[in-house]
PDB file of N, CA and C in Angstrom:
ATOM      1  N   MET A   1     -21.517  19.675   9.619  1.00  0.00           N
ATOM      2  CA  MET A   1     -20.742  20.387  11.004  1.00  0.00           C
ATOM      3  C   MET A   1     -20.339  19.082  10.921  1.00  0.00           C
ATOM      4  N   PRO A   2     -18.670  19.112  11.724  1.00  0.00           N
ATOM      5  CA  PRO A   2     -16.707  18.263  11.853  1.00  0.00           C
ATOM      6  C   PRO A   2     -17.621  17.065  13.300  1.00  0.00           C
ATOM      7  N   ARG A   3     -16.862  16.581  13.337  1.00  0.00           N
ATOM      8  CA  ARG A   3     -16.932  15.377  14.031  1.00  0.00           C
ATOM      9  C   ARG A   3     -16.270  15.513  14.606  1.00  0.00           C
ATOM     10  N   TYR A   4     -16.240  15.495  15.927  1.00  0.00           N
ATOM     11  CA  TYR A   4     -14.555  15.110  16.724  1.00  0.00           C
ATOM     12  C   TYR A   4     -14.987  13.857  17.551  1.00  0.00           C
ATOM     13  N   GLU A   5     -13.469  13.151  17.934  1.00  0.00           N
ATOM     14  CA  GLU A   5     -13.541  12.257  18.882  1.00  0.00           C
ATOM     15  C   GLU A   5     -12.649  12.019  19.922  1.00  0.00           C
ATOM     16  N   TYR A   6     -13.610  11.493  21.358  1.00  0.00           N
ATOM     17  CA  TYR A   6     -12.974  11.868  22.687  1.00  0.00           C
ATOM     18  C   TYR A   6     -12.681  10.646  22.905  1.00  0.00           C
ATOM     19  N   ARG A   7     -12.336  10.615  24.243  1.00  0.00           N
ATOM     20  CA  ARG A   7     -11.692   9.094  24.947  1.00  0.00           C
ATOM     21  C   ARG A   7     -11.963  10.087  26.207  1.00  0.00           C
ATOM     22  N   CYS A   8     -12.927   8.529  27.538  1.00  0.00           N
ATOM     23  CA  CYS A   8     -12.840   9.340  28.057  1.00  0.00           C
ATOM     24  C   CYS A   8     -12.005   9.058  29.776  1.00  0.00           C
ATOM     25  N   ARG A   9     -11.454   9.309  30.622  1.00  0.00           N
ATOM     26  CA  ARG A   9     -10.234   9.308  31.289  1.00  0.00           C
ATOM     27  C   ARG A   9     -10.689   8.039  32.603  1.00  0.00           C
ATOM     28  N   THR A  10     -12.388   8.073  32.530  1.00  0.00           N
ATOM     29  CA  THR A  10     -12.243   7.481  33.570  1.00  0.00           C
ATOM     30  C   THR A  10     -13.189   5.606  33.300  1.00  0.00           C
ATOM     31  N   CYS A  11     -13.491   5.856  32.328  1.00  0.00           N
ATOM     32  CA  CYS A  11     -14.145   4.301  32.029  1.00  0.00           C
ATOM     33  C   CYS A  11     -13.143   3.748  30.329  1.00  0.00           C
ATOM     34  N   GLY A  12     -12.009   4.879  29.711  1.00  0.00           N
ATOM     35  CA  GLY A  12     -12.020   4.464  29.104  1.00  0.00           C
ATOM     36  C   GLY A  12     -12.599   4.374  27.416  1.00  0.00           C
ATOM     37  N   ASP A  13     -14.163   4.741  27.256  1.00  0.00           N
ATOM     38  CA  ASP A  13     -14.854   4.460  26.369  1.00  0.00           C
ATOM     39  C   ASP A  13     -13.754   5.446  25.009  1.00  0.00           C
ATOM     40  N   THR A  14     -14.392   5.557  23.920  1.00  0.00           N
ATOM     41  CA  THR A  14     -13.875   6.427  23.327  1.00  0.00           C
ATOM     42  C   THR A  14     -14.967   6.791  22.465  1.00  0.00           C
ATOM     43  N   PHE A  15     -15.909   8.279  22.307  1.00  0.00           N
ATOM     44  CA  PHE A  15     -16.958   8.446  21.543  1.00  0.00           C
ATOM     45  C   PHE A  15     -16.769   9.848  20.650  1.00  0.00           C
ATOM     46  N   GLU A  16     -18.252  10.056  19.846  1.00  0.00           N
ATOM     47  CA  GLU A  16     -17.534  11.617  18.545  1.00  0.00           C
ATOM     48  C   GLU A  16     -18.831  11.756  18.734  1.00  0.00           C
ATOM     49  N   LEU A  17     -18.077  13.502  19.096  1.00  0.00           N
ATOM     50  CA  LEU A  17     -19.215  14.351  18.765  1.00  0.00           C
ATOM     51  C   LEU A  17     -19.670  15.036  17.548  1.00  0.00           C
ATOM     52  N   SER A  18     -20.722  15.650  17.368  1.00  0.00           N
ATOM     53  CA  SER A  18     -21.024  16.303  16.232  1.00  0.00           C
ATOM     54  C   SER A  18     -20.597  17.936  17.064  1.00  0.00           C
ATOM     55  N   ARG A  19     -20.151  18.425  16.482  1.00  0.00           N
ATOM     56  CA  ARG A  19     -20.238  20.268  16.964  1.00  0.00           C
ATOM     57  C   ARG A  19     -19.618  21.114  15.555  1.00  0.00           C
ATOM     58  N   PRO A  20     -20.218  22.207  16.267  1.00  0.00           N
ATOM     59  CA  PRO A  20     -18.918  23.814  15.170  1.00  0.00           C
ATOM     60  C   PRO A  20     -18.093  23.424  15.874  1.00  0.00           C
ATOM     61  N   MET A  21     -17.152  23.761  14.730  1.00  0.00           N
ATOM     62  CA  MET A  21     -15.324  24.248  14.842  1.00  0.00           C
ATOM     63  C   MET A  21     -15.708  24.967  16.022  1.00  0.00           C
ATOM     64  N   ALA A  22     -16.075  26.421  16.386  1.00  0.00           N
ATOM     65  CA  ALA A  22     -15.928  27.131  17.880  1.00  0.00           C
ATOM     66  C   ALA A  22     -15.708  26.122  18.984  1.00  0.00           C
ATOM     67  N   GLN A  23     -16.668  25.243  18.985  1.00  0.00           N
ATOM     68  CA  GLN A  23     -16.525  24.646  19.928  1.00  0.00           C
ATOM     69  C   GLN A  23     -15.885  23.570  20.323  1.00  0.00           C
ATOM     70  N   SER A  24     -15.098  23.000  19.835  1.00  0.00           N
ATOM     71  CA  SER A  24     -13.917  21.799  19.472  1.00  0.00           C
ATOM     72  C   SER A  24     -13.121  21.577  20.246  1.00  0.00           C
ATOM     73  N   ALA A  25     -12.495  22.674  21.670  1.00  0.00           N
ATOM     74  CA  ALA A  25     -11.852  22.687  22.625  1.00  0.00           C
ATOM     75  C   ALA A  25     -13.231  22.513  23.919  1.00  0.00           C
ATOM     76  N   ASP A  26     -14.440  23.134  23.701  1.00  0.00           N
ATOM     77  CA  ASP A  26     -14.945  22.766  25.271  1.00  0.00           C
ATOM     78  C   ASP A  26     -15.373  21.505  26.165  1.00  0.00           C
ATOM     79  N   PRO A  27     -15.167  21.380  26.997  1.00  0.00           N
ATOM     80  CA  PRO A  27     -15.109  19.903  28.018  1.00  0.00           C
ATOM     81  C   PRO A  27     -16.354  19.149  27.167  1.00  0.00           C
ATOM     82  N   ALA A  28     -16.321  18.133  27.160  1.00  0.00           N
ATOM     83  CA  ALA A  28     -17.796  16.891  26.424  1.00  0.00           C
ATOM     84  C   ALA A  28     -18.045  16.411  27.116  1.00  0.00           C
ATOM     85  N   ASP A  29     -19.008  15.753  27.759  1.00  0.00           N
ATOM     86  CA  ASP A  29     -19.575  14.590  28.751  1.00  0.00           C
ATOM     87  C   ASP A  29     -18.691  13.346  27.905  1.00  0.00           C
ATOM     88  N   CYS A  30     -19.062  11.964  28.559  1.00  0.00           N
ATOM     89  CA  CYS A  30     -18.843  10.717  28.135  1.00  0.00           C
ATOM     90  C   CYS A  30     -20.173  10.424  28.435  1.00  0.00           C
ATOM     91  N   PRO A  31     -20.450   9.483  27.348  1.00  0.00           N
ATOM     92  CA  PRO A  31     -22.484   8.320  27.416  1.00  0.00           C
ATOM     93  C   PRO A  31     -22.580   7.960  28.361  1.00  0.00           C
ATOM     94  N   ALA A  32     -22.032   7.447  29.531  1.00  0.00           N
ATOM     95  CA  ALA A  32     -21.285   7.365  30.083  1.00  0.00           C
ATOM     96  C   ALA A  32     -22.143   8.091  31.845  1.00  0.00           C
ATOM     97  N   GLY A  33     -21.498   9.260  30.867  1.00  0.00           N
ATOM     98  CA  GLY A  33     -21.795  10.690  32.361  1.00  0.00           C
ATOM     99  C   GLY A  33     -20.667  11.190  32.685  1.00  0.00           C
ATOM    100  N   HIS A  34     -19.043  10.441  32.866  1.00  0.00           N
ATOM    101  CA  HIS A  34     -18.067  10.760  33.659  1.00  0.00           C
ATOM    102  C   HIS A  34     -18.204  12.164  32.444  1.00  0.00           C
ATOM    103  N   ASP A  35     -17.077  13.077  33.112  1.00  0.00           N
ATOM    104  CA  ASP A  35     -16.487  14.427  32.378  1.00  0.00           C
ATOM    105  C   ASP A  35     -15.352  14.693  32.782  1.00  0.00           C
ATOM    106  N   ASP A  36     -14.289  13.489  33.449  1.00  0.00           N
ATOM    107  CA  ASP A  36     -13.387  13.682  32.436  1.00  0.00           C
ATOM    108  C   ASP A  36     -12.374  12.781  31.316  1.00  0.00           C
ATOM    109  N   THR A  37     -12.551  13.812  30.083  1.00  0.00           N
ATOM    110  CA  THR A  37     -13.027  13.141  29.265  1.00  0.00           C
ATOM    111  C   THR A  37     -11.511  14.432  28.214  1.00  0.00           C
ATOM    112  N   VAL A  38     -10.934  13.617  26.643  1.00  0.00           N
ATOM    113  CA  VAL A  38      -9.717  14.533  26.103  1.00  0.00           C
ATOM    114  C   VAL A  38     -10.341  14.441  25.157  1.00  0.00           C
ATOM    115  N   LYS A  39     -10.124  15.763  24.514  1.00  0.00           N
ATOM    116  CA  LYS A  39     -10.025  15.311  22.762  1.00  0.00           C
ATOM    117  C   LYS A  39      -8.560  14.814  21.750  1.00  0.00           C
ATOM    118  N   LEU A  40      -8.932  13.374  21.181  1.00  0.00           N
ATOM    119  CA  LEU A  40      -8.266  12.706  20.344  1.00  0.00           C
ATOM    120  C   LEU A  40      -7.741  13.836  19.290  1.00  0.00           C
ATOM    121  N   LEU A  41      -6.840  13.703  18.775  1.00  0.00           N
ATOM    122  CA  LEU A  41      -6.131  13.963  17.922  1.00  0.00           C
ATOM    123  C   LEU A  41      -6.588  12.845  16.809  1.00  0.00           C
ATOM    124  N   SER A  42      -7.373  13.448  14.696  1.00  0.00           N
ATOM    125  CA  SER A  42      -8.050  12.286  13.694  1.00  0.00           C
ATOM    126  C   SER A  42      -6.884  12.371  12.913  1.00  0.00           C
ATOM    127  N   THR A  43      -6.150  11.207  12.194  1.00  0.00           N
ATOM    128  CA  THR A  43      -5.919  11.247  11.341  1.00  0.00           C
ATOM    129  C   THR A  43      -7.411  11.243   9.703  1.00  0.00           C
ATOM    130  N   VAL A  44      -6.572  12.014   8.650  1.00  0.00           N
ATOM    131  CA  VAL A  44      -8.077  11.511   8.008  1.00  0.00           C
ATOM    132  C   VAL A  44      -7.116  10.317   7.307  1.00  0.00           C
ATOM    133  N   ALA A  45      -7.229   9.826   6.039  1.00  0.00           N
ATOM    134  CA  ALA A  45      -7.921   8.670   5.623  1.00  0.00           C
ATOM    135  C   ALA A  45      -8.163   9.023   3.822  1.00  0.00           C
ATOM    136  N   VAL A  46      -7.884   9.545   2.857  1.00  0.00           N
ATOM    137  CA  VAL A  46      -7.628   9.675   1.615  1.00  0.00           C
ATOM    138  C   VAL A  46      -7.737   8.231   0.577  1.00  0.00           C
ATOM    139  N   GLY A  47      -8.814   8.313   0.184  1.00  0.00           N
ATOM    140  CA  GLY A  47      -8.273   6.694  -0.236  1.00  0.00           C
ATOM    141  C   GLY A  47      -8.851   6.833  -1.578  1.00  0.00           C
ATOM    142  N   GLY A  48      -8.329   5.819  -2.454  1.00  0.00           N
ATOM    143  CA  GLY A  48      -9.052   6.175  -4.151  1.00  0.00           C
ATOM    144  C   GLY A  48      -8.632   5.098  -5.201  1.00  0.00           C
ATOM    145  N   THR A  49      -9.178   4.854  -6.128  1.00  0.00           N
ATOM    146  CA  THR A  49      -8.434   4.357  -7.036  1.00  0.00           C
ATOM    147  C   THR A  49      -6.561   3.477  -7.996  1.00  0.00           C
ATOM    148  N   LYS A  50      -7.251   4.972  -8.049  1.00  0.00           N
ATOM    149  CA  LYS A  50      -6.528   5.940  -9.512  1.00  0.00           C
ATOM    150  C   LYS A  50      -4.942   6.284  -7.938  1.00  0.00           C
ATOM    151  N   SER A  51      -4.067   6.417  -8.902  1.00  0.00           N
ATOM    152  CA  SER A  51      -3.322   6.979  -8.286  1.00  0.00           C
ATOM    153  C   SER A  51      -2.733   8.557  -9.097  1.00  0.00           C
ATOM    154  N   ALA A  52      -1.342   9.534  -8.856  1.00  0.00           N
ATOM    155  CA  ALA A  52      -1.373   9.682  -9.224  1.00  0.00           C
ATOM    156  C   ALA A  52      -0.472   9.371 -10.653  1.00  0.00           C
ATOM    157  N   PRO A  53      -0.091  10.414 -12.114  1.00  0.00           N
ATOM    158  CA  PRO A  53       0.836   9.729 -12.331  1.00  0.00           C
ATOM    159  C   PRO A  53       2.605  10.651 -12.346  1.00  0.00           C
ATOM    160  N   ALA A  54       3.191   9.288 -11.862  1.00  0.00           N
ATOM    161  CA  ALA A  54       4.186  10.047 -12.078  1.00  0.00           C
ATOM    162  C   ALA A  54       4.828  10.938 -12.332  1.00  0.00           C
ATOM    163  N   PRO A  55       5.914  11.814 -12.217  1.00  0.00           N
ATOM    164  CA  PRO A  55       6.586  13.408 -12.387  1.00  0.00           C
ATOM    165  C   PRO A  55       7.205  12.508 -14.032  1.00  0.00           C
ATOM    166  N   GLN A  56       7.373  13.392 -15.354  1.00  0.00           N
ATOM    167  CA  GLN A  56       7.880  12.952 -16.068  1.00  0.00           C
ATOM    168  C   GLN A  56       9.046  13.846 -15.545  1.00  0.00           C
ATOM    169  N   THR A  57      10.289  13.348 -16.462  1.00  0.00           N
ATOM    170  CA  THR A  57      12.086  13.682 -15.993  1.00  0.00           C
ATOM    171  C   THR A  57      12.188  14.542 -17.370  1.00  0.00           C
ATOM    172  N   GLY A  58      12.562  15.770 -17.474  1.00  0.00           N
ATOM    173  CA  GLY A  58      13.390  16.127 -19.892  1.00  0.00           C
ATOM    174  C   GLY A  58      13.572  14.997 -19.932  1.00  0.00           C
ATOM    175  N   GLY A  59      13.141  14.770 -21.568  1.00  0.00           N
ATOM    176  CA  GLY A  59      14.096  14.247 -22.070  1.00  0.00           C
ATOM    177  C   GLY A  59      14.729  14.694 -23.096  1.00  0.00           C
ATOM    178  N   GLY A  60      14.726  15.720 -23.049  1.00  0.00           N
ATOM    179  CA  GLY A  60      14.681  16.772 -23.997  1.00  0.00           C
ATOM    180  C   GLY A  60      15.200  17.975 -23.960  1.00  0.00           C
ATOM    181  N   GLY A  61      16.279  18.079 -22.678  1.00  0.00           N
ATOM    182  CA  GLY A  61      17.422  18.699 -21.360  1.00  0.00           C
ATOM    183  C   GLY A  61      15.827  20.541 -20.902  1.00  0.00           C
ATOM    184  N   GLY A  62      16.990  21.108 -20.547  1.00  0.00           N
ATOM    185  CA  GLY A  62      15.684  22.370 -20.101  1.00  0.00           C
ATOM    186  C   GLY A  62      15.679  21.937 -19.193  1.00  0.00           C
ATOM    187  N   GLY A  63      15.463  20.945 -18.916  1.00  0.00           N
ATOM    188  CA  GLY A  63      14.867  20.024 -17.007  1.00  0.00           C
ATOM    189  C   GLY A  63      13.987  20.390 -16.733  1.00  0.00           C
ATOM    190  N   GLY A  64      13.940  20.159 -15.585  1.00  0.00           N
ATOM    191  CA  GLY A  64      11.669  20.806 -14.743  1.00  0.00           C
ATOM    192  C   GLY A  64      10.715  20.737 -15.072  1.00  0.00           C
ATOM    193  N   CYS A  65      10.661  22.466 -15.815  1.00  0.00           N
ATOM    194  CA  CYS A  65       9.696  22.943 -17.004  1.00  0.00           C
ATOM    195  C   CYS A  65       8.834  22.697 -18.007  1.00  0.00           C
ATOM    196  N   CYS A  66       8.041  21.842 -18.619  1.00  0.00           N
ATOM    197  CA  CYS A  66       7.186  21.031 -19.396  1.00  0.00           C
ATOM    198  C   CYS A  66       8.051  21.024 -20.686  1.00  0.00           C
ATOM    199  N   GLY A  67       9.906  20.285 -19.661  1.00  0.00           N
ATOM    200  CA  GLY A  67      10.570  19.523 -20.566  1.00  0.00           C
ATOM    201  C   GLY A  67      11.470  20.973 -21.191  1.00  0.00           C
ATOM    202  N   GLY A  68      11.902  22.062 -21.124  1.00  0.00           N
ATOM    203  CA  GLY A  68      12.281  23.033 -21.185  1.00  0.00           C
ATOM    204  C   GLY A  68      11.531  24.060 -22.193  1.00  0.00           C
ATOM    205  N   GLY A  69      10.669  23.648 -22.078  1.00  0.00           N
ATOM    206  CA  GLY A  69       9.395  24.206 -23.394  1.00  0.00           C
ATOM    207  C   GLY A  69       9.728  25.834 -23.271  1.00  0.00           C
ATOM    208  N   CYS A  70      10.037  25.892 -20.975  1.00  0.00           N
ATOM    209  CA  CYS A  70       9.310  27.433 -21.188  1.00  0.00           C
ATOM    210  C   CYS A  70      10.692  27.764 -21.096  1.00  0.00           C
ATOM    211  N   CYS A  71      11.859  27.762 -20.829  1.00  0.00           N
ATOM    212  CA  CYS A  71      12.953  27.592 -20.273  1.00  0.00           C
ATOM    213  C   CYS A  71      13.441  28.159 -22.024  1.00  0.00           C
ATOM    214  N   GLY A  72      13.597  29.308 -22.501  1.00  0.00           N
ATOM    215  CA  GLY A  72      14.342  29.634 -23.287  1.00  0.00           C
ATOM    216  C   GLY A  72      15.213  28.988 -23.796  1.00  0.00           C
TER     217      GLY A  72
END
């Protein structure tokens, strides 16, 4: 189930709730009991140890597609 992040406009607390996507826009009460909250836009960070290989430039002419092999 997705987690959504909210911020309370009354106390400034930021909190998360797990709820179905169909309920993502429903109002959420803050843990302190306030009901003036706003859903925050979350960013997704994807990390890893390897990077994608750099694209190879065509050394044999023909350009772009497999070094010219599919460009008759």
